[in-house]
Amino acid sequence: MNPVEFHSKNGVFDINDFIQQCDASVSGEGDCLCGSHREPELPACRDVAAQPCCTPSGCDLSSLAPQGSVPVADGVDPIVYSPLAEVVEDLRLGKLILVTDDPSRENEADLICAGQFATPQNINFMATHARGLICVPMAPERVESLGLPMQAQHNTEKLHTAFTVSVDAKEGTTTGISAFERSITTMKLADPKARIDDFVQPGHCFPLKARKGGVLRRAGHTEATVDLLRIAGMEPVGVCCEIMKEDGTMARLGELGSFQKQYGLKACSLAQIIEHRQHTEKLVEREETVKLPTEFGEFICHAYHSKVDGKTHLALVHGEIDSDKPVLCRVHSECLTGDVFGSRRCDCGSQLHAAMRRVAQEGGVILYLRQEGRGIGLAAKLHAYKLQEQGYDTVDANIKLGFPADLRDYGVGAQILRDMGVRHLRLLTNNPRKIVGLAGHGLDIVEQVPISIPPNDDNRHYMETKRDRMGHLL
């Protein structure tokens, strides 16, 4: 396999070595660099009908550093992660587990168990040792079938945590607050035969409505709980509780190792759940195929519907695809201002036209992903432009708005390419993150083909920032 080198703030890497070392870890022959473990023995999540799933975020390899996607936080007491299959098995056995999010999000771990195993002992353990608010994550269809109203009709909470009204079971409870009575209420919520008349409102149990599509739409503990239960083949109603320290402050990821060890808890990360779902579920469907004549030549245009975000992505193909041979490919994220209006603030339109011209000459694929503004959306991109006019660069503007420098995800794109029979790529890109993102989804990147676009006076600083702060090969 040809080496594919790229530069980052951590040095020069060959993506093939990176992937091989990850594969060696999965087979037990080495230490994982990216923390993503493929486990084909696990079934796909059963939310296929509503499968809009990452975010985004997926495995966060945007730093291009070998430490990879399993959350790493400052501290001397880190959590030890288990293969996802072991975590799921503990859920099936009625045990408590730990699920962590990313340090850039809440930087926390939640205790989680299945709702059907919400015993008084498990509820009391959460109340005594975790100390946070005990909640009941539920699949959206379960919340809707029960007719539980949302607590807020207009959710303004930062992470959009979706509380319904609180409830107690009508039968078998008095005040509803004891571990025994919260156990009764939670197990009734997990009962598929339960009806809204089985509960009183308000109460002492706090249902949370998971987002349709789970962690692939919202990378939160609510969705993680429901997705894990689906993977386990259990009722998609669970229990979760954040962990507080004895002094009343939240326990962060780098502080929970001894807690995990003391109680013998298995742990997984949101990134592991996302990675599993992206590799075990089909998340795209081909909707239509038409001829598309352009100024660069005639392409065959395939429209794909994404179950992840509900958007329609396009694949423009020129020539025949041979799954045994490398295919010239450009994975291009939508940029309305550059692609359509010819904005000089970026080089997106110029890159797209250069790629179409070359693919029309040599044959290959243009994959057009609806990820406007590096994934933050059109309005947010314009807000970022305003900040750039005030002196921020493109990275700091995103961060100022509360976004990562690059929020794009290439899992859907990889599935589209595989559906068309593409297995080996000559990737037209200056962005090493695309190499990581696509190679991490089972595609063989045999060559990185640069796109040379000269800067203009309006985008020179933007392109320098991409080179100096985002590792682009310019």
Protein backbone atom coordinates (compact mmCIF):
# COMPACT_ATOMS: atom_id res chain seq x y z
CA MET A 1 0.00 0.00 0.00
CA ASN A 2 1.35 3.40 -0.93
CA PRO A 3 2.21 5.68 1.98
CA VAL A 4 -0.12 8.64 2.44
CA GLU A 5 1.71 11.29 4.42
CA PHE A 6 0.17 14.38 5.90
CA HIS A 7 1.38 17.09 8.21
CA SER A 8 -0.25 18.13 11.47
CA LYS A 9 0.69 20.00 14.58
CA ASN A 10 1.93 16.66 15.96
CA GLY A 11 4.29 15.91 13.11
CA VAL A 12 4.17 13.92 9.88
CA PHE A 13 2.03 10.77 9.79
CA ASP A 14 1.34 7.99 7.32
CA ILE A 15 -2.38 7.28 7.53
CA ASN A 16 -1.77 3.63 6.61
CA ASP A 17 0.43 3.14 9.68
CA PHE A 18 -2.21 4.86 11.77
CA ILE A 19 -4.98 2.52 10.60
CA GLN A 20 -2.78 -0.59 10.81
CA GLN A 21 -1.91 0.13 14.44
CA CYS A 22 -5.60 0.56 15.23
CA ASP A 23 -6.34 -2.76 13.51
CA ALA A 24 -3.54 -4.42 15.48
CA SER A 25 -5.16 -3.26 18.68
CA VAL A 26 -8.52 -4.72 17.70
CA SER A 27 -6.86 -8.09 17.07
CA GLY A 28 -5.08 -7.88 20.42
CA GLU A 29 -1.64 -7.35 18.93
CA GLY A 30 -1.05 -3.75 19.92
CA ASP A 31 -2.28 -0.60 21.60
CA CYS A 32 -5.08 1.27 19.88
CA LEU A 33 -4.23 4.74 18.65
CA CYS A 34 -7.73 5.88 17.81
CA GLY A 35 -9.76 4.09 20.46
CA SER A 36 -12.38 2.92 17.97
CA HIS A 37 -13.09 -0.81 18.19
CA ARG A 38 -15.10 -2.56 15.51
CA GLU A 39 -17.08 -5.45 16.96
CA PRO A 40 -19.03 -7.26 14.28
CA GLU A 41 -20.41 -9.76 16.77
CA LEU A 42 -22.76 -7.08 18.11
CA PRO A 43 -26.07 -6.60 16.30
CA ALA A 44 -26.99 -3.31 14.72
CA CYS A 45 -29.07 -0.92 16.78
CA ARG A 46 -32.76 -1.71 16.19
CA ASP A 47 -33.71 1.92 15.51
CA VAL A 48 -33.30 1.31 11.77
CA ALA A 49 -36.62 2.84 10.80
CA ALA A 50 -35.72 6.10 12.50
CA GLN A 51 -32.04 5.88 11.79
CA PRO A 52 -30.99 9.44 11.63
CA CYS A 53 -27.79 9.01 13.66
CA CYS A 54 -22.76 11.51 13.84
CA THR A 55 -22.59 13.63 14.43
CA PRO A 56 -21.31 14.21 14.17
CA SER A 57 -19.01 14.14 15.94
CA GLY A 58 -18.31 10.48 15.62
CA CYS A 59 -14.79 9.60 16.51
CA ASP A 60 -13.12 12.93 17.08
CA LEU A 61 -9.88 12.61 15.14
CA SER A 62 -9.79 16.26 14.14
CA SER A 63 -6.63 16.88 16.13
CA LEU A 64 -4.87 14.33 13.88
CA ALA A 65 -2.97 13.09 16.89
CA PRO A 66 -2.46 9.38 17.54
CA GLN A 67 -4.29 9.45 20.88
CA GLY A 68 -7.54 9.28 18.91
CA SER A 69 -11.20 9.31 19.72
CA VAL A 70 -11.69 7.76 23.14
CA PRO A 71 -12.18 10.73 25.47
CA VAL A 72 -9.01 11.81 27.22
CA ALA A 73 -9.19 14.31 30.06
CA ASP A 74 -6.72 15.87 32.43
CA GLY A 75 -6.38 13.98 35.69
CA VAL A 76 -4.53 11.17 37.38
CA ASP A 77 -7.47 8.77 37.73
CA PRO A 78 -8.70 7.91 34.23
CA ILE A 79 -11.47 5.51 33.30
CA VAL A 80 -10.53 2.23 31.60
CA TYR A 81 -12.68 1.42 28.57
CA SER A 82 -13.98 -2.05 27.70
CA PRO A 83 -14.97 -3.44 24.30
CA LEU A 84 -18.56 -2.49 23.57
CA ALA A 85 -19.65 -6.15 23.51
CA GLU A 86 -18.66 -6.55 27.16
CA VAL A 87 -20.51 -3.39 28.18
CA VAL A 88 -23.66 -4.53 26.38
CA GLU A 89 -23.47 -7.94 28.04
CA ASP A 90 -23.35 -6.31 31.48
CA LEU A 91 -26.50 -4.37 30.59
CA ARG A 92 -28.21 -7.64 29.65
CA LEU A 93 -27.20 -9.06 33.03
CA GLY A 94 -28.79 -6.15 34.88
CA LYS A 95 -25.52 -4.53 35.93
CA LEU A 96 -24.66 -0.86 36.12
CA ILE A 97 -22.22 0.54 33.54
CA LEU A 98 -20.43 3.84 32.89
CA VAL A 99 -20.81 5.83 29.67
CA THR A 100 -18.59 8.85 29.06
CA ASP A 101 -19.01 11.74 26.69
CA ASP A 102 -16.34 13.96 25.16
CA PRO A 103 -14.22 16.38 27.22
CA SER A 104 -15.47 19.19 24.96
CA ARG A 105 -19.08 18.43 25.89
CA GLU A 106 -20.02 17.71 29.53
CA ASN A 107 -16.72 15.92 30.27
CA GLU A 108 -18.63 13.52 32.51
CA ALA A 109 -19.64 9.91 32.94
CA ASP A 110 -23.15 8.67 33.71
CA LEU A 111 -24.10 5.52 35.57
CA ILE A 112 -26.56 3.60 33.40
CA CYS A 113 -28.71 0.51 33.71
CA ALA A 114 -31.66 -1.00 31.86
CA GLY A 115 -35.08 0.17 32.97
CA GLN A 116 -36.28 -3.39 33.36
CA PHE A 117 -33.47 -3.86 35.90
CA ALA A 118 -34.16 -0.64 37.81
CA THR A 119 -34.20 -2.50 41.10
CA PRO A 120 -34.38 -0.66 44.42
CA GLN A 121 -30.74 -1.65 44.90
CA ASN A 122 -29.65 -0.05 41.61
CA ILE A 123 -31.69 3.10 42.25
CA ASN A 124 -30.30 3.37 45.78
CA PHE A 125 -26.74 2.86 44.51
CA MET A 126 -27.19 5.75 42.08
CA ALA A 127 -28.66 8.00 44.75
CA THR A 128 -25.99 7.10 47.31
CA HIS A 129 -22.83 6.87 45.23
CA ALA A 130 -23.50 8.85 42.03
CA ARG A 131 -25.54 11.58 43.76
CA GLY A 132 -26.79 13.22 40.56
CA LEU A 133 -30.31 13.52 39.21
CA ILE A 134 -31.71 10.08 38.40
CA CYS A 135 -33.41 10.19 35.00
CA VAL A 136 -35.19 7.73 32.73
CA PRO A 137 -34.01 7.93 29.07
CA MET A 138 -36.72 6.63 26.75
CA ALA A 139 -37.00 5.93 23.05
CA PRO A 140 -38.97 8.69 21.32
CA GLU A 141 -41.65 6.28 20.14
CA ARG A 142 -42.19 5.11 23.74
CA VAL A 143 -42.62 8.69 24.98
CA GLU A 144 -45.04 9.40 22.15
CA SER A 145 -47.06 6.20 22.64
CA LEU A 146 -47.47 7.03 26.34
CA GLY A 147 -48.46 10.58 25.49
CA LEU A 148 -46.02 12.12 27.96
CA PRO A 149 -45.96 15.90 27.40
CA MET A 150 -42.63 17.68 27.21
CA GLN A 151 -41.61 19.79 30.19
CA ALA A 152 -40.69 22.73 27.93
CA GLN A 153 -42.42 23.42 24.63
CA HIS A 154 -39.46 25.59 23.58
CA ASN A 155 -36.24 23.97 24.79
CA THR A 156 -33.55 26.59 25.45
CA GLU A 157 -31.24 24.36 27.52
CA LYS A 158 -27.69 24.44 26.14
CA LEU A 159 -27.50 20.75 25.24
CA HIS A 160 -31.24 20.44 24.45
CA THR A 161 -31.84 17.81 27.12
CA ALA A 162 -35.45 16.77 26.46
CA PHE A 163 -37.26 16.34 29.80
CA THR A 164 -40.88 15.28 29.79
CA VAL A 165 -43.11 16.05 32.75
CA SER A 166 -42.08 14.10 35.85
CA VAL A 167 -44.17 11.10 36.87
CA ASP A 168 -44.88 8.58 39.62
CA ALA A 169 -46.58 5.22 39.21
CA LYS A 170 -50.22 5.47 40.24
CA GLU A 171 -50.21 2.07 41.93
CA GLY A 172 -47.72 0.97 44.59
CA THR A 173 -46.36 4.39 45.54
CA THR A 174 -47.00 6.88 48.35
CA THR A 175 -44.70 9.90 48.17
CA GLY A 176 -42.86 8.36 45.20
CA ILE A 177 -39.39 9.45 46.34
CA SER A 178 -37.97 6.31 47.96
CA ALA A 179 -35.66 4.06 46.00
CA PHE A 180 -38.32 1.35 46.17
CA GLU A 181 -41.03 3.61 44.76
CA ARG A 182 -38.79 5.11 42.07
CA SER A 183 -37.96 1.54 41.11
CA ILE A 184 -41.67 0.78 40.73
CA THR A 185 -42.21 3.86 38.56
CA THR A 186 -39.18 3.23 36.36
CA MET A 187 -40.01 -0.41 35.73
CA LYS A 188 -43.57 0.61 34.87
CA LEU A 189 -42.16 3.11 32.32
CA ALA A 190 -40.12 0.25 30.85
CA ASP A 191 -43.21 -1.96 30.57
CA PRO A 192 -44.36 -1.91 26.91
CA LYS A 193 -47.94 -2.51 28.10
CA ALA A 194 -47.97 0.62 30.29
CA ARG A 195 -50.42 3.43 29.53
CA ILE A 196 -50.48 7.08 30.53
CA ASP A 197 -53.25 6.32 33.03
CA ASP A 198 -50.74 4.19 34.98
CA PHE A 199 -48.93 7.39 36.07
CA VAL A 200 -49.59 10.59 37.96
CA GLN A 201 -48.01 13.95 37.15
CA PRO A 202 -45.83 15.52 38.51
CA GLY A 203 -43.73 12.92 40.26
CA HIS A 204 -40.24 11.88 41.27
CA CYS A 205 -39.03 10.14 38.10
CA PHE A 206 -37.76 12.27 35.23
CA PRO A 207 -38.20 10.75 31.76
CA LEU A 208 -35.92 12.00 28.98
CA LYS A 209 -36.95 11.75 25.33
CA ALA A 210 -34.09 10.52 23.15
CA ARG A 211 -33.61 12.13 19.75
CA LYS A 212 -34.75 10.00 16.81
CA GLY A 213 -31.63 8.45 15.34
CA GLY A 214 -29.87 8.28 18.69
CA VAL A 215 -26.22 9.17 19.14
CA LEU A 216 -25.81 9.78 15.44
CA ARG A 217 -28.12 12.79 15.72
CA ARG A 218 -27.32 13.89 19.29
CA ALA A 219 -24.26 12.60 21.11
CA GLY A 220 -25.76 12.66 24.60
CA HIS A 221 -26.16 10.22 27.48
CA THR A 222 -29.91 10.02 26.83
CA GLU A 223 -29.34 8.73 23.31
CA ALA A 224 -26.41 6.55 24.40
CA THR A 225 -28.60 4.78 26.95
CA VAL A 226 -31.36 4.05 24.45
CA ASP A 227 -28.94 2.97 21.70
CA LEU A 228 -27.09 0.58 24.00
CA LEU A 229 -30.37 -1.00 25.05
CA ARG A 230 -31.41 -1.41 21.41
CA ILE A 231 -28.06 -3.04 20.61
CA ALA A 232 -28.61 -5.34 23.61
CA GLY A 233 -32.07 -6.28 22.31
CA MET A 234 -33.79 -4.88 25.39
CA GLU A 235 -36.68 -2.49 25.98
CA PRO A 236 -35.41 1.00 25.01
CA VAL A 237 -36.01 2.54 28.44
CA GLY A 238 -33.12 2.97 30.86
CA VAL A 239 -31.91 4.79 33.92
CA CYS A 240 -29.00 7.24 34.04
CA CYS A 241 -27.42 9.34 36.73
CA GLU A 242 -24.55 11.83 36.62
CA ILE A 243 -21.74 11.38 39.12
CA MET A 244 -20.92 14.01 41.71
CA LYS A 245 -17.97 14.03 44.07
CA GLU A 246 -18.42 14.20 47.84
CA ASP A 247 -17.81 17.96 47.77
CA GLY A 248 -20.81 18.43 45.46
CA THR A 249 -18.87 19.21 42.27
CA MET A 250 -19.14 17.08 39.15
CA ALA A 251 -16.68 14.22 38.72
CA ARG A 252 -14.77 14.68 35.45
CA LEU A 253 -13.38 11.98 33.18
CA GLY A 254 -9.89 12.13 34.63
CA GLU A 255 -11.19 11.56 38.16
CA LEU A 256 -13.36 8.45 37.91
CA GLY A 257 -10.92 5.56 37.64
CA SER A 258 -10.98 4.65 41.32
CA PHE A 259 -14.79 4.89 41.38
CA GLN A 260 -14.91 2.49 38.44
CA LYS A 261 -12.40 0.13 40.02
CA GLN A 262 -14.02 0.18 43.47
CA TYR A 263 -17.38 -0.98 42.11
CA GLY A 264 -16.14 -3.13 39.21
CA LEU A 265 -17.94 -1.16 36.50
CA LYS A 266 -17.46 -1.66 32.77
CA ALA A 267 -17.22 1.58 30.76
CA CYS A 268 -17.60 2.71 27.16
CA SER A 269 -17.52 6.08 25.42
CA LEU A 270 -20.08 7.75 23.22
CA ALA A 271 -17.50 7.53 20.42
CA GLN A 272 -17.54 3.72 20.67
CA ILE A 273 -21.34 3.63 20.31
CA ILE A 274 -21.24 6.00 17.34
CA GLU A 275 -18.49 3.99 15.65
CA HIS A 276 -20.40 0.72 16.16
CA ARG A 277 -23.59 2.09 14.65
CA GLN A 278 -21.81 3.63 11.69
CA HIS A 279 -20.19 0.29 10.87
CA THR A 280 -23.20 -1.99 11.41
CA GLU A 281 -26.12 -0.06 9.95
CA LYS A 282 -26.95 1.09 6.44
CA LEU A 283 -27.59 4.79 6.80
CA VAL A 284 -28.11 5.87 3.18
CA GLU A 285 -30.58 4.99 0.44
CA ARG A 286 -30.25 5.77 -3.26
CA GLU A 287 -33.32 7.77 -4.32
CA GLU A 288 -32.78 8.68 -7.97
CA THR A 289 -30.26 8.57 -10.82
CA VAL A 290 -30.20 11.04 -13.73
CA LYS A 291 -27.85 12.35 -16.41
CA LEU A 292 -26.33 15.72 -15.56
CA PRO A 293 -24.67 17.63 -18.43
CA THR A 294 -22.29 20.33 -17.16
CA GLU A 295 -19.75 22.70 -18.65
CA PHE A 296 -17.09 20.16 -17.64
CA GLY A 297 -18.80 17.17 -19.26
CA GLU A 298 -21.71 14.84 -18.63
CA PHE A 299 -21.98 13.12 -15.25
CA ILE A 300 -24.33 10.51 -13.87
CA CYS A 301 -25.90 12.07 -10.77
CA HIS A 302 -27.07 9.80 -7.92
CA ALA A 303 -29.20 11.28 -5.13
CA TYR A 304 -28.82 9.62 -1.72
CA HIS A 305 -31.09 10.14 1.27
CA SER A 306 -29.28 10.10 4.59
CA LYS A 307 -31.03 8.53 7.57
CA VAL A 308 -28.50 10.35 9.73
CA ASP A 309 -29.60 13.92 9.04
CA GLY A 310 -32.49 13.55 6.59
CA LYS A 311 -30.56 15.44 3.91
CA THR A 312 -30.07 14.54 0.26
CA HIS A 313 -26.43 14.15 -0.76
CA LEU A 314 -25.22 13.85 -4.35
CA ALA A 315 -22.68 11.66 -6.12
CA LEU A 316 -21.56 12.74 -9.60
CA VAL A 317 -19.92 9.90 -11.52
CA HIS A 318 -17.97 10.11 -14.78
CA GLY A 319 -16.96 6.81 -16.36
CA GLU A 320 -17.21 3.30 -14.97
CA ILE A 321 -16.39 2.33 -11.38
CA ASP A 322 -14.24 -0.77 -10.90
CA SER A 323 -14.27 -1.90 -7.28
CA ASP A 324 -10.86 -3.53 -7.74
CA LYS A 325 -9.15 -0.36 -8.97
CA PRO A 326 -8.46 3.01 -7.32
CA VAL A 327 -11.08 5.64 -8.16
CA LEU A 328 -10.30 9.35 -8.36
CA CYS A 329 -12.65 10.95 -5.84
CA ARG A 330 -13.40 14.40 -4.49
CA VAL A 331 -15.45 14.58 -1.26
CA HIS A 332 -16.77 18.14 -1.27
CA SER A 333 -18.81 19.74 1.51
CA GLU A 334 -21.49 22.18 0.43
CA CYS A 335 -20.57 25.86 0.38
CA LEU A 336 -23.43 27.95 -0.99
CA THR A 337 -21.48 31.20 -0.93
CA GLY A 338 -18.46 29.74 -2.71
CA ASP A 339 -20.01 27.07 -4.94
CA VAL A 340 -22.99 29.12 -6.17
CA PHE A 341 -22.19 32.79 -5.63
CA GLY A 342 -18.46 32.59 -6.31
CA SER A 343 -17.42 34.07 -2.97
CA ARG A 344 -13.75 35.04 -2.80
CA ARG A 345 -13.65 34.55 0.99
CA CYS A 346 -12.89 30.84 0.52
CA ASP A 347 -11.51 28.51 -2.13
CA CYS A 348 -14.47 26.10 -2.11
CA GLY A 349 -15.97 26.97 -5.49
CA SER A 350 -12.57 26.91 -7.17
CA GLN A 351 -11.81 23.50 -5.63
CA LEU A 352 -15.15 22.09 -6.77
CA HIS A 353 -14.68 23.28 -10.36
CA ALA A 354 -11.09 22.05 -10.50
CA ALA A 355 -12.19 18.64 -9.20
CA MET A 356 -15.07 18.39 -11.69
CA ARG A 357 -12.74 19.29 -14.54
CA ARG A 358 -10.20 16.63 -13.52
CA VAL A 359 -12.80 13.91 -12.87
CA ALA A 360 -14.36 14.64 -16.26
CA GLN A 361 -10.94 14.10 -17.84
CA GLU A 362 -9.83 11.01 -15.90
CA GLY A 363 -13.09 9.48 -14.66
CA GLY A 364 -14.14 9.21 -11.04
CA VAL A 365 -16.58 10.55 -8.46
CA ILE A 366 -17.54 13.94 -7.03
CA LEU A 367 -19.29 13.39 -3.70
CA TYR A 368 -21.26 16.49 -2.70
CA LEU A 369 -22.14 16.39 1.01
CA ARG A 370 -24.64 18.82 2.52
CA GLN A 371 -22.34 19.98 5.31
CA GLU A 372 -22.51 23.75 4.93
CA GLY A 373 -19.90 25.80 6.75
CA ARG A 374 -17.75 22.81 7.81
CA GLY A 375 -20.88 21.34 9.34
CA ILE A 376 -22.19 24.31 11.35
CA GLY A 377 -24.85 25.46 8.86
CA LEU A 378 -25.32 28.51 6.66
CA ALA A 379 -26.53 31.00 9.28
CA ALA A 380 -23.75 30.07 11.70
CA LYS A 381 -21.22 30.36 8.88
CA LEU A 382 -22.36 33.91 8.21
CA HIS A 383 -22.05 34.68 11.93
CA ALA A 384 -18.50 33.31 11.69
CA TYR A 385 -17.84 35.59 8.71
CA LYS A 386 -18.93 38.55 10.83
CA LEU A 387 -16.44 37.56 13.53
CA GLN A 388 -13.74 37.22 10.88
CA GLU A 389 -14.46 40.80 9.86
CA GLN A 390 -13.71 41.70 13.49
CA GLY A 391 -10.29 40.01 13.38
CA TYR A 392 -10.96 36.36 14.27
CA ASP A 393 -9.58 33.69 11.98
CA THR A 394 -11.81 30.88 10.67
CA VAL A 395 -10.89 28.52 13.54
CA ASP A 396 -11.33 31.00 16.38
CA ALA A 397 -14.60 32.27 14.89
CA ASN A 398 -16.06 28.77 15.07
CA ILE A 399 -14.84 28.34 18.63
CA LYS A 400 -16.25 31.74 19.62
CA LEU A 401 -19.65 30.55 18.38
CA GLY A 402 -19.40 27.36 20.42
CA PHE A 403 -18.47 25.01 17.57
CA PRO A 404 -15.38 22.86 16.96
CA ALA A 405 -13.02 24.08 14.25
CA ASP A 406 -14.43 21.39 11.93
CA LEU A 407 -17.76 19.65 12.60
CA ARG A 408 -17.91 17.63 9.40
CA ASP A 409 -18.48 13.89 9.43
CA TYR A 410 -17.52 11.56 6.61
CA GLY A 411 -19.35 8.39 7.69
CA VAL A 412 -22.32 9.03 5.40
CA GLY A 413 -19.99 9.83 2.51
CA ALA A 414 -18.12 6.57 3.06
CA GLN A 415 -21.39 4.62 2.95
CA ILE A 416 -22.39 6.31 -0.32
CA LEU A 417 -19.04 5.43 -1.89
CA ARG A 418 -19.31 1.81 -0.76
CA ASP A 419 -22.86 1.61 -2.14
CA MET A 420 -21.50 2.65 -5.55
CA GLY A 421 -18.82 -0.02 -5.40
CA VAL A 422 -15.89 2.24 -4.56
CA ARG A 423 -13.35 0.50 -2.32
CA HIS A 424 -10.01 2.12 -3.21
CA LEU A 425 -9.59 5.89 -3.52
CA ARG A 426 -7.25 8.40 -5.02
CA LEU A 427 -8.56 11.20 -2.86
CA LEU A 428 -8.57 14.75 -4.25
CA THR A 429 -7.98 16.75 -1.09
CA ASN A 430 -5.60 18.98 0.83
CA ASN A 431 -7.31 18.06 4.12
CA PRO A 432 -5.79 15.17 6.11
CA ARG A 433 -8.93 14.91 8.25
CA LYS A 434 -10.80 13.60 5.22
CA ILE A 435 -8.21 10.87 4.86
CA VAL A 436 -8.71 9.87 8.49
CA GLY A 437 -12.50 10.16 8.27
CA LEU A 438 -12.85 8.00 5.16
CA ALA A 439 -10.14 5.46 6.00
CA GLY A 440 -11.77 5.00 9.39
CA HIS A 441 -14.88 3.72 7.62
CA GLY A 442 -13.23 0.90 5.72
CA LEU A 443 -12.11 2.66 2.54
CA ASP A 444 -8.57 2.21 1.24
CA ILE A 445 -6.94 5.59 0.52
CA VAL A 446 -4.14 4.67 -1.87
CA GLU A 447 -3.15 8.23 -2.77
CA GLN A 448 -3.74 11.78 -1.62
CA VAL A 449 -4.06 13.93 -4.76
CA PRO A 450 -3.59 17.64 -3.98
CA ILE A 451 -5.75 20.40 -5.42
CA SER A 452 -3.72 23.51 -6.14
CA ILE A 453 -5.78 26.71 -5.93
CA PRO A 454 -3.82 29.98 -5.81
CA PRO A 455 -5.01 32.35 -3.06
CA ASN A 456 -6.50 35.75 -3.76
CA ASP A 457 -6.36 38.90 -1.67
CA ASP A 458 -9.67 38.06 0.05
CA ASN A 459 -8.95 34.46 1.08
CA ARG A 460 -5.19 34.52 1.64
CA HIS A 461 -5.50 34.68 5.46
CA TYR A 462 -8.21 31.99 5.39
CA MET A 463 -5.99 29.61 3.44
CA GLU A 464 -3.00 30.34 5.66
CA THR A 465 -5.14 29.48 8.69
CA LYS A 466 -6.20 26.18 7.11
CA ARG A 467 -2.54 25.38 6.52
CA ASP A 468 -1.15 26.54 9.86
CA ARG A 469 -3.96 25.62 12.25
CA MET A 470 -5.89 22.81 10.55
CA GLY A 471 -3.02 20.89 8.96
CA HIS A 472 -4.11 21.36 5.34
CA LEU A 473 -1.44 20.55 2.81
CA LEU A 474 -1.19 23.90 1.05
